[in-house]
Amino acid sequence: MSARRTALLAVTTAFLAGWLSTHLLGATPNSIWGNATTDQDRCQAEADYMAKHNIFRHVGPCIGRFEGIGRGYSPKCGTCTPRYRMTLTGDAAAKCPNGMWIRVRSWR
């Protein structure tokens, strides 16, 4: 590998490591989900976590085979949906301090 590629790889790796630590707040599945075992419980825990920390993107690993998140001014705001037929296994919402709603849904 050339010196230029090695330097670019080092910069990219450092950027990604910093971005992940900053944007995920050091979050792990246990710190987000606690002792939640069902997809519904995990969706609620993740929505609560996102609302508490004002995070409007995926946090932690995917719940089920597909996870959709959304935000809006209603607890039934839209989320991404799977392209293929799957069964909805979790659907939860949490209200942010600013009045916005976060919704997390999962499918298997």
Protein backbone atom coordinates (compact mmCIF):
# COMPACT_ATOMS: atom_id res chain seq x y z
CA MET A 1 0.00 0.00 0.00
CA SER A 2 1.33 3.45 -0.87
CA ALA A 3 2.18 6.04 1.77
CA ARG A 4 -0.68 8.23 0.53
CA ARG A 5 -3.22 5.43 0.91
CA THR A 6 -1.89 4.57 4.36
CA ALA A 7 -2.22 8.20 5.47
CA LEU A 8 -5.74 8.46 4.02
CA LEU A 9 -6.75 5.25 5.79
CA ALA A 10 -5.38 6.57 9.10
CA VAL A 11 -7.27 9.86 8.75
CA THR A 12 -10.48 8.08 7.76
CA THR A 13 -10.21 5.64 10.66
CA ALA A 14 -9.60 8.47 13.15
CA PHE A 15 -12.54 10.45 11.78
CA LEU A 16 -14.91 7.48 12.00
CA ALA A 17 -13.80 6.61 15.52
CA GLY A 18 -14.35 10.21 16.65
CA TRP A 19 -17.69 10.46 14.89
CA LEU A 20 -18.96 7.23 16.39
CA SER A 21 -17.90 8.12 19.92
CA THR A 22 -19.43 11.61 19.61
CA HIS A 23 -22.68 10.68 17.89
CA LEU A 24 -23.49 7.47 19.69
CA LEU A 25 -22.64 8.95 23.11
CA GLY A 26 -20.78 5.79 24.00
CA ALA A 27 -24.09 3.95 23.75
CA THR A 28 -24.20 0.18 23.87
CA PRO A 29 -27.26 -2.05 23.47
CA ASN A 30 -27.39 -2.49 27.26
CA SER A 31 -27.26 1.26 27.92
CA ILE A 32 -30.09 1.83 25.42
CA TRP A 33 -32.32 -1.21 25.93
CA GLY A 34 -31.58 -2.02 29.57
CA ASN A 35 -33.08 -5.45 30.29
CA ALA A 36 -35.69 -5.28 27.49
CA THR A 37 -36.15 -8.68 25.87
CA THR A 38 -39.01 -8.29 23.39
CA ASP A 39 -38.91 -6.20 20.22
CA GLN A 40 -41.73 -4.03 21.62
CA ASP A 41 -39.78 -3.34 24.82
CA ARG A 42 -36.62 -2.58 22.84
CA CYS A 43 -38.50 -0.19 20.53
CA GLN A 44 -39.87 1.68 23.55
CA ALA A 45 -36.49 1.81 25.27
CA GLU A 46 -34.81 3.06 22.09
CA ALA A 47 -37.50 5.71 21.50
CA ASP A 48 -37.17 6.89 25.11
CA TYR A 49 -33.36 7.04 24.78
CA MET A 50 -33.54 8.98 21.51
CA ALA A 51 -36.07 11.46 22.93
CA LYS A 52 -34.06 11.99 26.13
CA HIS A 53 -30.83 12.67 24.19
CA ASN A 54 -32.42 14.50 21.20
CA ILE A 55 -30.99 11.94 18.78
CA PHE A 56 -32.87 11.69 15.49
CA ARG A 57 -31.11 8.71 13.90
CA HIS A 58 -30.58 5.01 14.54
CA VAL A 59 -28.77 4.13 17.76
CA GLY A 60 -27.48 0.70 18.65
CA PRO A 61 -27.94 -2.43 16.56
CA CYS A 62 -31.02 -3.12 14.46
CA ILE A 63 -34.07 -4.41 16.33
CA GLY A 64 -35.43 -7.45 14.47
CA ARG A 65 -34.63 -7.82 10.77
CA PHE A 66 -35.66 -4.27 9.87
CA GLU A 67 -36.01 -1.12 11.95
CA GLY A 68 -37.71 2.13 10.96
CA ILE A 69 -37.49 5.41 12.84
CA GLY A 70 -39.32 8.67 12.35
CA ARG A 71 -39.99 12.00 13.99
CA GLY A 72 -42.85 14.42 13.82
CA TYR A 73 -45.57 16.20 15.77
CA SER A 74 -47.65 13.06 16.34
CA PRO A 75 -46.91 9.75 18.06
CA LYS A 76 -47.96 8.03 14.81
CA CYS A 77 -45.42 9.89 12.63
CA GLY A 78 -44.13 8.04 9.57
CA THR A 79 -41.13 5.74 9.60
CA CYS A 80 -39.20 3.76 7.03
CA THR A 81 -40.86 0.45 6.14
CA PRO A 82 -39.40 -2.79 4.78
CA ARG A 83 -39.49 -3.39 1.05
CA TYR A 84 -40.49 -7.02 1.49
CA ARG A 85 -43.36 -8.48 3.48
CA MET A 86 -42.49 -8.81 7.17
CA THR A 87 -44.40 -8.93 10.44
CA LEU A 88 -44.45 -5.83 12.64
CA THR A 89 -42.97 -6.85 16.02
CA GLY A 90 -42.62 -3.50 17.79
CA ASP A 91 -44.09 0.00 17.56
CA ALA A 92 -43.29 2.65 20.17
CA ALA A 93 -43.16 6.43 20.49
CA ALA A 94 -41.66 8.91 22.94
CA LYS A 95 -42.08 12.67 23.26
CA CYS A 96 -39.03 14.94 23.24
CA PRO A 97 -38.81 17.93 25.59
CA ASN A 98 -39.30 20.25 22.57
CA GLY A 99 -42.66 18.62 21.71
CA MET A 100 -41.43 16.46 18.81
CA TRP A 101 -42.24 12.75 18.81
CA ILE A 102 -39.82 9.92 18.03
CA ARG A 103 -41.24 6.65 16.71
CA VAL A 104 -39.37 3.35 16.46
CA ARG A 105 -40.81 0.28 14.72
CA SER A 106 -39.32 -3.16 14.09
CA TRP A 107 -40.15 -6.05 11.78
CA ARG A 108 -39.14 -9.70 11.46
